[in-house]
Protein backbone atom coordinates (compact mmCIF):
# COMPACT_ATOMS: atom_id res chain seq x y z
CA UNK A 1 -58.92 -52.75 43.38
CA UNK A 2 -57.85 -49.67 41.45
CA UNK A 3 -55.76 -50.59 38.36
CA UNK A 4 -52.07 -49.25 37.92
CA UNK A 5 -51.38 -46.79 34.94
CA UNK A 6 -48.20 -46.66 33.38
CA UNK A 7 -46.89 -43.44 32.21
CA UNK A 8 -45.46 -43.56 28.72
CA UNK A 9 -42.27 -42.10 28.08
CA UNK A 10 -39.89 -41.78 25.32
CA UNK A 11 -36.91 -44.33 25.44
CA UNK A 12 -33.27 -43.07 24.98
CA UNK A 13 -33.46 -44.87 21.13
CA UNK A 14 -36.36 -42.31 20.55
CA UNK A 15 -34.78 -39.48 21.75
CA UNK A 16 -31.58 -39.98 19.90
CA UNK A 17 -33.42 -40.75 16.71
CA UNK A 18 -35.49 -37.21 17.07
CA UNK A 19 -31.93 -35.33 18.03
CA UNK A 20 -30.74 -36.91 14.63
CA UNK A 21 -33.76 -36.01 12.46
CA UNK A 22 -33.54 -32.25 13.75
CA UNK A 23 -30.04 -32.05 13.18
CA UNK A 24 -30.18 -33.22 9.85
CA UNK A 25 -33.09 -30.51 9.34
CA UNK A 26 -30.99 -28.24 10.62
CA UNK A 27 -27.90 -28.86 8.20
CA UNK A 28 -30.49 -28.74 5.46
CA UNK A 29 -32.22 -25.50 6.10
CA UNK A 30 -29.32 -23.48 7.70
CA UNK A 31 -27.50 -23.12 4.37
CA UNK A 32 -31.05 -22.33 2.71
CA UNK A 33 -31.48 -19.82 5.48
CA UNK A 34 -28.05 -18.22 4.60
CA UNK A 35 -28.67 -18.03 1.08
CA UNK A 36 -32.11 -16.19 1.64
CA UNK A 37 -30.36 -13.57 3.56
CA UNK A 38 -27.58 -13.07 1.12
CA UNK A 39 -30.34 -12.90 -1.50
CA UNK A 40 -32.17 -10.23 0.62
CA UNK A 41 -29.07 -8.46 1.01
CA UNK A 42 -28.00 -8.51 -2.67
CA UNK A 43 -31.59 -7.22 -3.61
CA UNK A 44 -31.30 -4.26 -1.03
CA UNK A 45 -27.76 -3.47 -2.66
CA UNK A 46 -29.52 -3.10 -6.11
CA UNK A 47 -32.29 -0.89 -4.73
CA UNK A 48 -29.67 1.37 -3.05
CA UNK A 49 -27.36 1.37 -6.39
CA UNK A 50 -30.65 2.24 -8.19
CA UNK A 51 -30.98 5.32 -5.58
CA UNK A 52 -27.48 7.07 -6.05
CA UNK A 53 -28.15 6.17 -9.64
CA UNK A 54 -31.45 8.39 -9.29
CA UNK A 55 -29.38 10.97 -7.26
CA UNK A 56 -27.09 11.19 -10.30
CA UNK A 57 -29.65 11.86 -12.82
CA UNK A 58 -31.95 14.13 -10.80
CA UNK A 59 -28.48 16.13 -10.23
CA UNK A 60 -28.23 16.13 -14.11
CA UNK A 61 -31.18 17.74 -14.46
CA UNK A 62 -30.60 20.78 -12.72
CA UNK A 63 -27.21 21.13 -13.80
CA UNK A 64 -27.70 21.18 -17.71
CA UNK A 65 -27.28 17.51 -18.12
CA UNK A 66 -24.01 17.31 -16.26
CA UNK A 67 -22.97 14.16 -14.35
CA UNK A 68 -21.41 15.08 -10.67
CA UNK A 69 -17.91 16.55 -10.92
CA UNK A 70 -15.40 15.07 -8.34
CA UNK A 71 -12.22 17.40 -7.82
CA UNK A 72 -12.12 19.02 -11.32
CA UNK A 73 -11.20 22.57 -11.14
CA UNK A 74 -8.47 21.80 -8.15
CA UNK A 75 -5.33 21.76 -10.64
CA UNK A 76 -3.03 24.81 -10.46
CA UNK A 77 -1.46 26.34 -13.48
CA UNK A 78 1.55 24.20 -14.41
CA UNK A 79 -0.05 21.22 -13.28
CA UNK A 80 1.80 18.16 -15.44
CA UNK A 81 0.67 14.98 -16.90
CA UNK A 82 -0.90 12.60 -14.43
CA UNK A 83 -1.80 15.15 -12.09
CA UNK A 84 -4.47 13.81 -9.96
CA UNK A 85 -8.24 14.94 -11.35
CA UNK A 86 -10.06 12.85 -8.96
CA UNK A 87 -8.08 12.69 -5.56
CA UNK A 88 -9.33 10.45 -2.79
CA UNK A 89 -11.19 12.49 0.02
CA UNK A 90 -9.38 10.19 2.40
CA UNK A 91 -6.32 12.02 1.86
CA UNK A 92 -5.44 15.16 3.88
CA UNK A 93 -4.05 17.56 1.57
CA UNK A 94 -3.75 17.94 -2.29
CA UNK A 95 -2.44 20.93 -4.20
CA UNK A 96 -2.53 22.88 -0.87
CA UNK A 97 -6.09 22.20 0.00
CA UNK A 98 -7.58 20.46 2.78
CA UNK A 99 -10.45 18.19 2.21
CA UNK A 100 -9.33 14.75 3.59
CA UNK A 101 -11.52 12.55 5.86
CA UNK A 102 -8.90 12.67 8.75
CA UNK A 103 -8.85 15.55 11.07
CA UNK A 104 -9.45 18.15 8.79
CA UNK A 105 -12.83 16.95 7.38
CA UNK A 106 -14.34 15.03 10.20
CA UNK A 107 -17.82 14.56 8.77
CA UNK A 108 -16.03 12.88 5.61
CA UNK A 109 -17.34 13.15 2.23
CA UNK A 110 -20.25 15.76 3.81
CA UNK A 111 -17.84 17.71 5.39
CA UNK A 112 -17.46 21.57 4.43
CA UNK A 113 -13.84 21.04 3.82
CA UNK A 114 -14.14 18.08 1.75
CA UNK A 115 -13.27 18.18 -2.21
CA UNK A 116 -16.45 18.30 -4.46
CA UNK A 117 -17.17 15.13 -4.79
CA UNK A 118 -20.39 12.92 -6.04
CA UNK A 119 -21.38 11.66 -2.69
CA UNK A 120 -21.92 15.42 -0.94
CA UNK A 121 -23.44 16.49 -4.46
CA UNK A 122 -26.26 13.57 -4.76
CA UNK A 123 -26.91 13.69 -0.86
CA UNK A 124 -29.58 16.37 -1.28
CA UNK A 125 -31.55 14.02 -4.09
CA UNK A 126 -31.05 10.98 -2.14
CA UNK A 127 -31.88 12.49 1.37
CA UNK A 128 -31.09 9.32 3.18
CA UNK A 129 -27.30 8.21 4.06
CA UNK A 130 -28.45 4.69 4.65
CA UNK A 131 -29.20 4.47 1.10
CA UNK A 132 -25.64 5.06 0.30
CA UNK A 133 -24.40 2.03 2.54
CA UNK A 134 -24.54 -1.62 0.98
CA UNK A 135 -25.83 -4.28 3.36
CA UNK A 136 -22.95 -6.68 1.61
CA UNK A 137 -20.13 -4.38 3.04
CA UNK A 138 -18.67 -4.27 6.57
CA UNK A 139 -17.18 -0.98 7.95
CA UNK A 140 -13.66 -0.19 6.97
CA UNK A 141 -11.05 -1.13 9.48
CA UNK A 142 -8.46 1.67 8.81
CA UNK A 143 -9.24 4.55 11.05
CA UNK A 144 -8.37 7.08 8.62
CA UNK A 145 -11.59 5.68 6.19
CA UNK A 146 -13.68 4.09 8.73
CA UNK A 147 -17.29 5.90 8.80
CA UNK A 148 -17.47 8.86 11.42
CA UNK A 149 -20.03 8.61 14.31
CA UNK A 150 -20.46 12.31 13.80
CA UNK A 151 -24.29 13.26 13.16
CA UNK A 152 -24.69 14.30 9.68
CA UNK A 153 -21.22 12.29 8.72
CA UNK A 154 -20.76 10.86 5.24
CA UNK A 155 -20.62 7.16 4.61
CA UNK A 156 -20.95 5.00 1.43
CA UNK A 157 -20.38 1.53 0.14
CA UNK A 158 -20.55 2.78 -3.55
CA UNK A 159 -17.96 4.34 -6.31
CA UNK A 160 -18.66 6.54 -9.02
CA UNK A 161 -17.00 5.68 -12.48
CA UNK A 162 -14.57 8.45 -12.79
CA UNK A 163 -14.74 8.35 -16.88
CA UNK A 164 -18.24 9.73 -16.34
CA UNK A 165 -17.29 12.32 -13.91
CA UNK A 166 -18.50 16.10 -15.22
CA UNK A 167 -19.66 14.43 -18.45
CA UNK A 168 -22.95 15.27 -20.04
CA UNK A 169 -25.59 12.44 -19.73
CA UNK A 170 -26.71 12.80 -23.22
CA UNK A 171 -23.19 12.83 -24.90
CA UNK A 172 -22.62 9.18 -23.53
CA UNK A 173 -22.83 7.09 -26.87
CA UNK A 174 -24.46 3.79 -25.13
CA UNK A 175 -26.02 5.03 -21.76
CA UNK A 176 -27.46 1.58 -21.57
CA UNK A 177 -23.88 0.02 -21.54
CA UNK A 178 -22.07 2.70 -19.33
CA UNK A 179 -21.49 1.82 -15.64
CA UNK A 180 -21.87 5.11 -13.61
CA UNK A 181 -22.13 3.58 -9.92
CA UNK A 182 -20.66 0.49 -8.68
CA UNK A 183 -20.25 -1.41 -4.94
CA UNK A 184 -17.26 -1.41 -2.84
CA UNK A 185 -16.12 -3.85 -0.47
CA UNK A 186 -16.21 -1.64 2.60
CA UNK A 187 -18.23 1.13 3.79
CA UNK A 188 -16.28 4.44 3.97
CA UNK A 189 -16.06 8.16 4.88
CA UNK A 190 -15.08 8.79 1.41
CA UNK A 191 -16.77 9.07 -1.91
CA UNK A 192 -14.74 8.27 -4.57
CA UNK A 193 -14.01 7.32 -8.22
CA UNK A 194 -12.78 4.12 -9.51
CA UNK A 195 -11.64 4.31 -12.29
CA UNK A 196 -9.95 7.54 -11.84
CA UNK A 197 -9.14 10.27 -14.38
CA UNK A 198 -5.99 12.30 -14.43
CA UNK A 199 -4.89 15.50 -16.15
CA UNK A 200 -3.28 15.62 -19.14
CA UNK A 201 -1.41 18.97 -21.01
CA UNK A 202 -2.60 17.60 -24.49
CA UNK A 203 -6.38 17.31 -23.58
CA UNK A 204 -6.09 13.41 -23.30
CA UNK A 205 -8.50 11.50 -21.29
CA UNK A 206 -6.78 8.70 -19.58
CA UNK A 207 -7.76 6.92 -16.74
CA UNK A 208 -6.30 4.14 -14.18
CA UNK A 209 -7.61 2.04 -11.19
CA UNK A 210 -9.99 0.04 -13.27
CA UNK A 211 -8.70 -3.78 -11.87
CA UNK A 212 -9.01 -3.43 -8.03
CA UNK A 213 -9.96 -6.02 -5.96
CA UNK A 214 -12.04 -4.26 -3.65
CA UNK A 215 -14.83 -2.92 -6.14
CA UNK A 216 -17.44 -5.19 -7.63
CA UNK A 217 -16.73 -8.61 -5.46
CA UNK A 218 -19.69 -8.08 -2.62
CA UNK A 219 -21.97 -11.08 -3.85
CA UNK A 220 -20.34 -14.10 -4.82
CA UNK A 221 -17.57 -12.42 -6.89
CA UNK A 222 -20.07 -10.11 -8.56
CA UNK A 223 -21.76 -6.86 -7.94
CA UNK A 224 -24.75 -4.37 -8.53
CA UNK A 225 -24.19 -1.97 -11.08
CA UNK A 226 -26.15 1.39 -11.94
CA UNK A 227 -25.76 2.80 -15.56
CA UNK A 228 -26.40 5.90 -17.39
CA UNK A 229 -29.78 5.30 -18.76
CA UNK A 230 -31.08 4.89 -15.14
CA UNK A 231 -31.38 1.00 -14.72
CA UNK A 232 -29.26 -1.14 -12.50
CA UNK A 233 -28.63 -4.87 -12.76
CA UNK A 234 -25.97 -7.57 -10.94
CA UNK A 235 -23.29 -8.44 -13.04
CA UNK A 236 -20.30 -11.11 -12.29
CA UNK A 237 -17.14 -9.22 -11.86
CA UNK A 238 -15.54 -11.02 -14.88
CA UNK A 239 -18.57 -9.97 -17.01
CA UNK A 240 -17.76 -6.31 -17.04
CA UNK A 241 -15.71 -5.36 -20.03
CA UNK A 242 -13.69 -2.05 -20.05
CA UNK A 243 -16.16 -0.89 -22.69
CA UNK A 244 -18.57 -0.85 -20.00
CA UNK A 245 -16.64 2.15 -17.94
CA UNK A 246 -16.28 4.10 -21.22
CA UNK A 247 -12.63 2.82 -22.21
CA UNK A 248 -13.11 2.92 -26.02
CA UNK A 249 -9.57 2.44 -27.90
CA UNK A 250 -6.97 0.65 -25.77
CA UNK A 251 -6.22 -0.77 -22.31
CA UNK A 252 -2.97 -1.23 -20.96
CA UNK A 253 -3.49 -3.83 -18.27
CA UNK A 254 -1.00 -4.23 -15.73
CA UNK A 255 -1.83 -8.00 -14.75
CA UNK A 256 -0.90 -8.83 -18.31
CA UNK A 257 1.87 -6.30 -19.03
CA UNK A 258 0.12 -5.95 -22.43
CA UNK A 259 -2.51 -3.92 -24.31
CA UNK A 260 -5.85 -5.30 -24.89
CA UNK A 261 -9.13 -4.48 -26.54
CA UNK A 262 -11.27 -3.06 -24.06
CA UNK A 263 -14.47 -4.31 -26.18
CA UNK A 264 -13.78 -7.89 -25.57
CA UNK A 265 -11.61 -8.24 -22.54
CA UNK A 266 -13.22 -7.83 -18.51
CA UNK A 267 -11.90 -5.24 -16.08
CA UNK A 268 -10.73 -8.33 -13.76
CA UNK A 269 -7.79 -10.04 -13.59
CA UNK A 270 -6.99 -9.41 -10.07
CA UNK A 271 -8.19 -12.05 -7.50
CA UNK A 272 -9.89 -11.01 -4.71
CA UNK A 273 -8.92 -14.01 -2.90
CA UNK A 274 -5.27 -13.08 -3.31
CA UNK A 275 -5.79 -9.10 -2.04
CA UNK A 276 -4.05 -7.96 -5.54
CA UNK A 277 -4.82 -4.55 -7.00
CA UNK A 278 -3.55 -3.22 -10.44
CA UNK A 279 -3.62 0.41 -9.96
CA UNK A 280 -1.66 0.87 -13.16
CA UNK A 281 -4.39 -0.36 -15.29
CA UNK A 282 -4.91 2.52 -17.59
CA UNK A 283 -6.57 3.87 -21.13
CA UNK A 284 -8.30 6.29 -23.05
CA UNK A 285 -11.77 6.58 -21.29
CA UNK A 286 -14.34 8.82 -22.73
CA UNK A 287 -18.09 7.41 -22.67
CA UNK A 288 -18.63 9.44 -25.50
CA UNK A 289 -16.46 7.77 -28.01
CA UNK A 290 -17.29 4.22 -27.32
CA UNK A 291 -18.03 2.61 -30.52
């Protein structure tokens, strides 16, 4: 007689144990995968910041040592104090000149009608629009600023320090400390400056817009920064001092309602989780005078 062979199988308890083990491993590994993905985005973003910074340096070599200009020269005769030197390219009109990122400039900062800006000026040196986009930034949801899908349209997640706009690289007192490029929260069709300088009839160099919750918070309340000497590194937003942006004498900080020392105070009093922006934070800003 042939012996009867019984087929072995998992019992219900054994299956439940295996499923529980898989669930535990997944619970352990998924956060690790998420952290690895975030680290990869942070590293790619650092590379992008480095490339945009190199674009600035290459441009300065071809323009008698000057960093890119952003709207300087648009002021009409008789302009008063606080007249905008560095307008947002998302606006439609500035002193009668159409340059906006809307219907008058469908290609964003690369449009022929866009105001002079760092994005258009450095793109011939970067030669890759994707390098101007942070992997840690989503497309802006505002139709006026969201990236255009037209071929050749400008888009970026980075912001230039307006205090260094149209400034000589060699005139900067501490190039290793002076921020030139920083990351913003969303990808847009405008290449803007923050902080942003304004015109004053007495020649003063004041800049505001230094404490904004959508700049420098992409990676765990920090961001990558490019400096005037060509290096780039990650910094927590509360590590960035006003002096790193070129403020050298004093700063009036809206969030505190008081004058503060730019050498010791960070640019962050706004809390990104509360969606607060302190546009009025301002002071004397000149990278050549930072002690």
